[in-house]
Amino acid sequence: MEKWAAKELSQVDLGDASRNKRLIRLVKNLAFAIVAAITIPMLLVWQ
């Protein structure tokens, strides 16, 4: 998923490489959280 975030944010320039990397990590973590928030309850319902 990090490759996806890096590709989507490849044109972003926050003025510092570490900020760019932090943004990519943040977006990746948010995407994982959203997937987990949807997937986990569905798994519990289907058990």
PDB file of N, CA and C in Angstrom:
ATOM      1  N   MET A   1       0.815  -1.193   0.000  1.00  0.00           N
ATOM      2  CA  MET A   1       0.000   0.000   0.000  1.00  0.00           C
ATOM      3  C   MET A   1       0.862   1.261   0.000  1.00  0.00           C
ATOM      4  N   GLU A   2       2.068   1.149   0.521  1.00  0.00           N
ATOM      5  CA  GLU A   2       2.931   2.333   0.533  1.00  0.00           C
ATOM      6  C   GLU A   2       3.308   2.761  -0.879  1.00  0.00           C
ATOM      7  N   LYS A   3       3.466   1.792  -1.787  1.00  0.00           N
ATOM      8  CA  LYS A   3       3.768   2.140  -3.180  1.00  0.00           C
ATOM      9  C   LYS A   3       2.624   2.937  -3.783  1.00  0.00           C
ATOM     10  N   TRP A   4       1.392   2.544  -3.442  1.00  0.00           N
ATOM     11  CA  TRP A   4       0.223   3.267  -3.935  1.00  0.00           C
ATOM     12  C   TRP A   4       0.251   4.704  -3.432  1.00  0.00           C
ATOM     13  N   ALA A   5       0.488   4.888  -2.154  1.00  0.00           N
ATOM     14  CA  ALA A   5       0.515   6.230  -1.570  1.00  0.00           C
ATOM     15  C   ALA A   5       1.633   7.059  -2.188  1.00  0.00           C
ATOM     16  N   ALA A   6       2.795   6.459  -2.369  1.00  0.00           N
ATOM     17  CA  ALA A   6       3.925   7.177  -2.967  1.00  0.00           C
ATOM     18  C   ALA A   6       3.607   7.601  -4.396  1.00  0.00           C
ATOM     19  N   LYS A   7       2.937   6.725  -5.137  1.00  0.00           N
ATOM     20  CA  LYS A   7       2.575   7.057  -6.517  1.00  0.00           C
ATOM     21  C   LYS A   7       1.555   8.195  -6.548  1.00  0.00           C
ATOM     22  N   GLU A   8       0.535   8.106  -5.702  1.00  0.00           N
ATOM     23  CA  GLU A   8      -0.505   9.131  -5.676  1.00  0.00           C
ATOM     24  C   GLU A   8       0.039  10.496  -5.250  1.00  0.00           C
ATOM     25  N   LEU A   9       1.041  10.492  -4.389  1.00  0.00           N
ATOM     26  CA  LEU A   9       1.570  11.741  -3.844  1.00  0.00           C
ATOM     27  C   LEU A   9       2.913  12.123  -4.459  1.00  0.00           C
ATOM     28  N   SER A  10       3.248  11.549  -5.596  1.00  0.00           N
ATOM     29  CA  SER A  10       4.565  11.777  -6.197  1.00  0.00           C
ATOM     30  C   SER A  10       4.802  13.233  -6.590  1.00  0.00           C
ATOM     31  N   GLN A  11       3.769  13.985  -6.859  1.00  0.00           N
ATOM     32  CA  GLN A  11       3.920  15.383  -7.267  1.00  0.00           C
ATOM     33  C   GLN A  11       3.913  16.357  -6.092  1.00  0.00           C
ATOM     34  N   VAL A  12       3.683  15.857  -4.896  1.00  0.00           N
ATOM     35  CA  VAL A  12       3.632  16.718  -3.713  1.00  0.00           C
ATOM     36  C   VAL A  12       5.044  17.115  -3.316  1.00  0.00           C
ATOM     37  N   ASP A  13       5.233  18.404  -3.046  1.00  0.00           N
ATOM     38  CA  ASP A  13       6.525  18.886  -2.553  1.00  0.00           C
ATOM     39  C   ASP A  13       6.260  19.773  -1.347  1.00  0.00           C
ATOM     40  N   LEU A  14       6.560  19.251  -0.177  1.00  0.00           N
ATOM     41  CA  LEU A  14       6.342  19.998   1.060  1.00  0.00           C
ATOM     42  C   LEU A  14       7.590  20.764   1.484  1.00  0.00           C
ATOM     43  N   GLY A  15       8.578  20.828   0.603  1.00  0.00           N
ATOM     44  CA  GLY A  15       9.774  21.599   0.878  1.00  0.00           C
ATOM     45  C   GLY A  15      10.878  20.835   1.581  1.00  0.00           C
ATOM     46  N   ASP A  16      10.613  19.609   1.972  1.00  0.00           N
ATOM     47  CA  ASP A  16      11.606  18.799   2.675  1.00  0.00           C
ATOM     48  C   ASP A  16      11.269  17.332   2.433  1.00  0.00           C
ATOM     49  N   ALA A  17      12.274  16.541   2.094  1.00  0.00           N
ATOM     50  CA  ALA A  17      12.047  15.124   1.784  1.00  0.00           C
ATOM     51  C   ALA A  17      11.440  14.374   2.962  1.00  0.00           C
ATOM     52  N   SER A  18      11.839  14.729   4.178  1.00  0.00           N
ATOM     53  CA  SER A  18      11.288  14.019   5.346  1.00  0.00           C
ATOM     54  C   SER A  18       9.803  14.322   5.522  1.00  0.00           C
ATOM     55  N   ARG A  19       9.375  15.521   5.179  1.00  0.00           N
ATOM     56  CA  ARG A  19       7.939  15.846   5.242  1.00  0.00           C
ATOM     57  C   ARG A  19       7.166  15.057   4.200  1.00  0.00           C
ATOM     58  N   ASN A  20       7.732  14.950   3.014  1.00  0.00           N
ATOM     59  CA  ASN A  20       7.082  14.167   1.958  1.00  0.00           C
ATOM     60  C   ASN A  20       6.919  12.716   2.395  1.00  0.00           C
ATOM     61  N   LYS A  21       7.977  12.140   2.975  1.00  0.00           N
ATOM     62  CA  LYS A  21       7.918  10.752   3.447  1.00  0.00           C
ATOM     63  C   LYS A  21       6.900  10.603   4.568  1.00  0.00           C
ATOM     64  N   ARG A  22       6.843  11.587   5.452  1.00  0.00           N
ATOM     65  CA  ARG A  22       5.882  11.540   6.561  1.00  0.00           C
ATOM     66  C   ARG A  22       4.455  11.578   6.034  1.00  0.00           C
ATOM     67  N   LEU A  23       4.202  12.400   5.019  1.00  0.00           N
ATOM     68  CA  LEU A  23       2.866  12.470   4.423  1.00  0.00           C
ATOM     69  C   LEU A  23       2.482  11.130   3.798  1.00  0.00           C
ATOM     70  N   ILE A  24       3.419  10.514   3.082  1.00  0.00           N
ATOM     71  CA  ILE A  24       3.149   9.211   2.473  1.00  0.00           C
ATOM     72  C   ILE A  24       2.823   8.187   3.548  1.00  0.00           C
ATOM     73  N   ARG A  25       3.588   8.183   4.631  1.00  0.00           N
ATOM     74  CA  ARG A  25       3.342   7.244   5.734  1.00  0.00           C
ATOM     75  C   ARG A  25       1.978   7.510   6.373  1.00  0.00           C
ATOM     76  N   LEU A  26       1.620   8.780   6.535  1.00  0.00           N
ATOM     77  CA  LEU A  26       0.328   9.146   7.118  1.00  0.00           C
ATOM     78  C   LEU A  26      -0.826   8.653   6.248  1.00  0.00           C
ATOM     79  N   VAL A  27      -0.735   8.887   4.951  1.00  0.00           N
ATOM     80  CA  VAL A  27      -1.795   8.458   4.031  1.00  0.00           C
ATOM     81  C   VAL A  27      -1.909   6.937   4.029  1.00  0.00           C
ATOM     82  N   LYS A  28      -0.769   6.248   4.026  1.00  0.00           N
ATOM     83  CA  LYS A  28      -0.780   4.777   4.067  1.00  0.00           C
ATOM     84  C   LYS A  28      -1.461   4.285   5.337  1.00  0.00           C
ATOM     85  N   ASN A  29      -1.114   4.869   6.476  1.00  0.00           N
ATOM     86  CA  ASN A  29      -1.704   4.449   7.748  1.00  0.00           C
ATOM     87  C   ASN A  29      -3.202   4.739   7.799  1.00  0.00           C
ATOM     88  N   LEU A  30      -3.623   5.873   7.253  1.00  0.00           N
ATOM     89  CA  LEU A  30      -5.053   6.185   7.209  1.00  0.00           C
ATOM     90  C   LEU A  30      -5.802   5.186   6.327  1.00  0.00           C
ATOM     91  N   ALA A  31      -5.206   4.829   5.206  1.00  0.00           N
ATOM     92  CA  ALA A  31      -5.845   3.852   4.316  1.00  0.00           C
ATOM     93  C   ALA A  31      -5.984   2.502   5.011  1.00  0.00           C
ATOM     94  N   PHE A  32      -4.943   2.071   5.727  1.00  0.00           N
ATOM     95  CA  PHE A  32      -5.024   0.816   6.480  1.00  0.00           C
ATOM     96  C   PHE A  32      -6.107   0.893   7.546  1.00  0.00           C
ATOM     97  N   ALA A  33      -6.201   2.027   8.222  1.00  0.00           N
ATOM     98  CA  ALA A  33      -7.200   2.178   9.283  1.00  0.00           C
ATOM     99  C   ALA A  33      -8.614   2.097   8.716  1.00  0.00           C
ATOM    100  N   ILE A  34      -8.821   2.700   7.564  1.00  0.00           N
ATOM    101  CA  ILE A  34     -10.144   2.662   6.939  1.00  0.00           C
ATOM    102  C   ILE A  34     -10.496   1.235   6.530  1.00  0.00           C
ATOM    103  N   VAL A  35      -9.546   0.544   5.919  1.00  0.00           N
ATOM    104  CA  VAL A  35      -9.785  -0.845   5.516  1.00  0.00           C
ATOM    105  C   VAL A  35     -10.095  -1.697   6.739  1.00  0.00           C
ATOM    106  N   ALA A  36      -9.337  -1.518   7.810  1.00  0.00           N
ATOM    107  CA  ALA A  36      -9.563  -2.295   9.030  1.00  0.00           C
ATOM    108  C   ALA A  36     -10.921  -1.967   9.640  1.00  0.00           C
ATOM    109  N   ALA A  37     -11.304  -0.699   9.614  1.00  0.00           N
ATOM    110  CA  ALA A  37     -12.580  -0.296  10.199  1.00  0.00           C
ATOM    111  C   ALA A  37     -13.757  -0.926   9.460  1.00  0.00           C
ATOM    112  N   ILE A  38     -13.588  -1.197   8.196  1.00  0.00           N
ATOM    113  CA  ILE A  38     -14.650  -1.825   7.407  1.00  0.00           C
ATOM    114  C   ILE A  38     -14.565  -3.347   7.499  1.00  0.00           C
ATOM    115  N   THR A  39     -13.367  -3.884   7.394  1.00  0.00           N
ATOM    116  CA  THR A  39     -13.170  -5.333   7.310  1.00  0.00           C
ATOM    117  C   THR A  39     -13.439  -6.052   8.625  1.00  0.00           C
ATOM    118  N   ILE A  40     -12.921  -5.559   9.720  1.00  0.00           N
ATOM    119  CA  ILE A  40     -13.051  -6.254  11.008  1.00  0.00           C
ATOM    120  C   ILE A  40     -14.511  -6.445  11.410  1.00  0.00           C
ATOM    121  N   PRO A  41     -15.359  -5.415  11.370  1.00  0.00           N
ATOM    122  CA  PRO A  41     -16.766  -5.658  11.717  1.00  0.00           C
ATOM    123  C   PRO A  41     -17.450  -6.656  10.780  1.00  0.00           C
ATOM    124  N   MET A  42     -17.089  -6.622   9.504  1.00  0.00           N
ATOM    125  CA  MET A  42     -17.685  -7.578   8.568  1.00  0.00           C
ATOM    126  C   MET A  42     -17.272  -9.001   8.912  1.00  0.00           C
ATOM    127  N   LEU A  43     -16.022  -9.191   9.298  1.00  0.00           N
ATOM    128  CA  LEU A  43     -15.562 -10.527   9.682  1.00  0.00           C
ATOM    129  C   LEU A  43     -16.286 -11.015  10.929  1.00  0.00           C
ATOM    130  N   LEU A  44     -16.533 -10.113  11.859  1.00  0.00           N
ATOM    131  CA  LEU A  44     -17.234 -10.493  13.081  1.00  0.00           C
ATOM    132  C   LEU A  44     -18.683 -10.887  12.794  1.00  0.00           C
ATOM    133  N   VAL A  45     -19.312 -10.204  11.862  1.00  0.00           N
ATOM    134  CA  VAL A  45     -20.695 -10.508  11.503  1.00  0.00           C
ATOM    135  C   VAL A  45     -20.782 -11.864  10.813  1.00  0.00           C
ATOM    136  N   TRP A  46     -19.813 -12.198   9.984  1.00  0.00           N
ATOM    137  CA  TRP A  46     -19.858 -13.423   9.188  1.00  0.00           C
ATOM    138  C   TRP A  46     -19.356 -14.651   9.933  1.00  0.00           C
ATOM    139  N   GLN A  47     -18.947 -14.511  11.175  1.00  0.00           N
ATOM    140  CA  GLN A  47     -18.470 -15.685  11.925  1.00  0.00           C
ATOM    141  C   GLN A  47     -19.603 -16.535  12.390  1.00  0.00           C
TER     142      GLN A  47
END
